[in-house]
Amino acid sequence: MNSIRLLSVFLVGLLFAGCASWPPPELASRLPGKRDRFEGFWEGRWESSRRANSGDRLQCRLQKVESGLYRADFRAFWHGLSGVYPVDLTTREERGCLYFEGTQKLPKIQGGLYRYEGFIAGDELRAWYNSKYDTGEFRLTKSKNPAGGG
C-alpha cells in the first residue's frame, strides 16, 4: 500500500515538473557556441537502487556558469512522463576530469532535498543521487544531437 501511494505521489510530481520548457531558453541560445569541453548535451539512463523496474531515459544540458560552477538541467523520463530538474553543481577539475556535487530542493512529497555527486571523464558522465525516498545512479554519454534527442 505504501509503495502504491509513493508511486502515485511521484507520478503527480513528475507530471507537474514536466511543464518546464525544454531546452531552457538560456541554454538553447548559448550551447551551440559552447566554450568548454564539459558543456553540452548528454543522454543516458537513470536507475533507482531502491525500486525495482524503475529508471528510464535521462537527458542533460550542462552549462558553465563561472569557474567552479555549472548548471545541469536534467530531463528525466519515467513511464511516459518527463520532468525537468535544474541543479547548480559545484565543480573542480582534476587530472582532466570534472568532479561535481550539488543539491536540489523539491517538494517534500517528491522526496525533499536531493544530493548529487559525480564526475565527467571524456564522453562519460556518471552521478549518484540520494533523497529521503530514493537513491540511484545516472549514466550518460555526450550526445552528438544538439537537441539532446528529445
Protein backbone atom coordinates (compact mmCIF):
# COMPACT_ATOMS: atom_id res chain seq x y z
CA MET A 1 0.00 0.00 0.00
CA ASN A 2 2.77 2.43 0.94
CA SER A 3 4.58 1.71 -2.37
CA ILE A 4 1.44 2.47 -4.39
CA ARG A 5 0.94 5.76 -2.55
CA LEU A 6 4.59 6.76 -3.07
CA LEU A 7 4.40 5.84 -6.75
CA SER A 8 1.24 7.96 -7.18
CA VAL A 9 2.87 10.93 -5.49
CA PHE A 10 5.95 10.58 -7.66
CA LEU A 11 3.88 10.40 -10.87
CA VAL A 12 1.90 13.52 -9.99
CA GLY A 13 5.13 15.36 -9.18
CA LEU A 14 6.65 14.38 -12.50
CA LEU A 15 3.55 15.47 -14.35
CA PHE A 16 3.74 18.99 -12.89
CA ALA A 17 7.51 19.20 -13.17
CA GLY A 18 7.25 18.35 -16.87
CA CYS A 19 5.69 21.75 -17.55
CA ALA A 20 9.11 23.43 -17.61
CA SER A 21 10.43 24.37 -21.04
CA TRP A 22 12.98 22.11 -22.68
CA PRO A 23 15.56 23.16 -23.54
CA PRO A 24 15.73 26.05 -21.12
CA PRO A 25 15.82 29.24 -23.23
CA GLU A 26 19.16 30.44 -21.87
CA LEU A 27 20.79 27.12 -22.73
CA ALA A 28 19.19 26.76 -26.13
CA SER A 29 20.73 30.04 -27.23
CA ARG A 30 24.10 29.54 -25.51
CA LEU A 31 25.20 25.97 -26.16
CA PRO A 32 25.70 25.92 -29.94
CA GLY A 33 28.76 28.13 -29.40
CA LYS A 34 29.95 26.23 -26.33
CA ARG A 35 33.31 27.25 -24.90
CA ASP A 36 34.02 24.35 -22.58
CA ARG A 37 34.56 20.64 -23.31
CA PHE A 38 32.25 19.59 -20.48
CA GLU A 39 29.34 21.78 -21.59
CA GLY A 40 26.79 20.37 -23.95
CA PHE A 41 24.13 17.76 -24.29
CA TRP A 42 24.26 14.39 -22.56
CA GLU A 43 21.99 11.34 -22.89
CA GLY A 44 21.64 8.11 -20.99
CA ARG A 45 19.64 6.47 -18.22
CA TRP A 46 18.87 6.83 -14.54
CA GLU A 47 18.38 3.83 -12.29
CA SER A 48 16.91 3.72 -8.80
CA SER A 49 18.66 1.41 -6.35
CA ARG A 50 15.58 1.32 -4.08
CA ARG A 51 12.85 0.44 -6.58
CA ALA A 52 12.85 -2.48 -8.97
CA ASN A 53 11.72 -1.79 -12.54
CA SER A 54 12.43 1.91 -12.25
CA GLY A 55 14.59 4.18 -14.29
CA ASP A 56 14.32 5.35 -17.83
CA ARG A 57 15.89 7.80 -20.25
CA LEU A 58 17.73 10.82 -18.91
CA GLN A 59 18.94 13.89 -20.76
CA CYS A 60 21.10 16.71 -19.51
CA ARG A 61 22.15 20.08 -20.79
CA LEU A 62 25.24 21.24 -18.96
CA GLN A 63 26.31 24.89 -18.93
CA LYS A 64 29.30 26.53 -17.25
CA VAL A 65 28.10 29.50 -15.22
CA GLU A 66 31.50 30.57 -13.87
CA SER A 67 34.71 29.00 -12.64
CA GLY A 68 33.74 26.18 -10.27
CA LEU A 69 30.01 26.34 -11.04
CA TYR A 70 27.92 24.60 -13.70
CA ARG A 71 24.17 24.34 -14.19
CA ALA A 72 22.73 20.96 -15.14
CA ASP A 73 19.20 20.80 -16.48
CA PHE A 74 18.19 17.15 -16.21
CA ARG A 75 15.17 15.86 -18.10
CA ALA A 76 14.07 12.56 -16.60
CA PHE A 77 11.61 10.21 -18.28
CA TRP A 78 9.54 7.72 -16.37
CA HIS A 79 6.65 5.60 -17.70
CA GLY A 80 5.80 8.04 -20.48
CA LEU A 81 6.12 11.18 -18.33
CA SER A 82 9.02 13.60 -18.10
CA GLY A 83 10.16 16.38 -15.84
CA VAL A 84 12.94 18.97 -15.96
CA TYR A 85 15.10 19.42 -12.88
CA PRO A 86 17.69 22.23 -12.77
CA VAL A 87 20.66 21.71 -10.43
CA ASP A 88 23.60 24.02 -9.69
CA LEU A 89 26.78 21.96 -9.43
CA THR A 90 29.92 22.98 -7.58
CA THR A 91 32.85 21.63 -9.57
CA ARG A 92 36.58 21.04 -9.53
CA GLU A 93 38.73 19.90 -12.44
CA GLU A 94 41.39 17.36 -11.66
CA ARG A 95 43.55 15.24 -13.99
CA GLY A 96 41.29 16.02 -16.97
CA CYS A 97 38.07 15.04 -15.16
CA LEU A 98 35.35 17.29 -13.82
CA TYR A 99 34.10 16.34 -10.34
CA PHE A 100 30.82 17.83 -9.16
CA GLU A 101 28.31 17.94 -6.36
CA GLY A 102 25.07 19.76 -5.81
CA THR A 103 21.71 19.77 -4.09
CA GLN A 104 18.18 20.43 -5.21
CA LYS A 105 15.17 21.03 -3.03
CA LEU A 106 11.97 19.50 -4.37
CA PRO A 107 8.61 19.48 -2.61
CA LYS A 108 8.54 17.10 0.37
CA ILE A 109 6.05 14.94 -1.49
CA GLN A 110 8.75 14.29 -4.12
CA GLY A 111 11.47 13.47 -1.60
CA GLY A 112 12.57 16.90 -0.40
CA LEU A 113 16.29 17.50 -0.61
CA TYR A 114 18.21 15.61 -3.31
CA ARG A 115 22.00 15.38 -3.21
CA TYR A 116 24.08 14.68 -6.30
CA GLU A 117 27.75 13.88 -6.78
CA GLY A 118 29.63 12.56 -9.74
CA PHE A 119 32.22 13.13 -12.42
CA ILE A 120 32.76 13.58 -16.13
CA ALA A 121 35.64 11.70 -17.76
CA GLY A 122 35.92 12.02 -21.51
CA ASP A 123 32.48 11.43 -23.01
CA GLU A 124 31.04 9.76 -19.89
CA LEU A 125 29.05 11.42 -17.10
CA ARG A 126 28.32 9.34 -14.00
CA ALA A 127 26.49 10.57 -10.94
CA TRP A 128 24.82 9.26 -7.81
CA TYR A 129 21.82 10.79 -6.11
CA ASN A 130 20.01 10.30 -2.82
CA SER A 131 16.95 11.70 -1.12
CA LYS A 132 14.52 10.67 1.60
CA TYR A 133 12.67 8.26 -0.71
CA ASP A 134 15.23 7.24 -3.32
CA THR A 135 18.87 6.67 -4.21
CA GLY A 136 20.28 5.83 -7.59
CA GLU A 137 22.70 6.42 -10.41
CA PHE A 138 22.91 8.38 -13.66
CA ARG A 139 24.96 7.11 -16.61
CA LEU A 140 25.15 9.43 -19.60
CA THR A 141 27.34 9.94 -22.65
CA LYS A 142 27.99 13.07 -24.67
CA SER A 143 25.32 13.47 -27.33
CA LYS A 144 26.05 14.28 -30.96
CA ASN A 145 22.47 15.59 -31.27
CA PRO A 146 22.34 19.26 -30.22
CA ALA A 147 18.65 18.86 -29.37
CA GLY A 148 19.53 16.14 -26.89
CA GLY A 149 17.36 13.57 -28.64
CA GLY A 150 14.16 14.72 -27.12
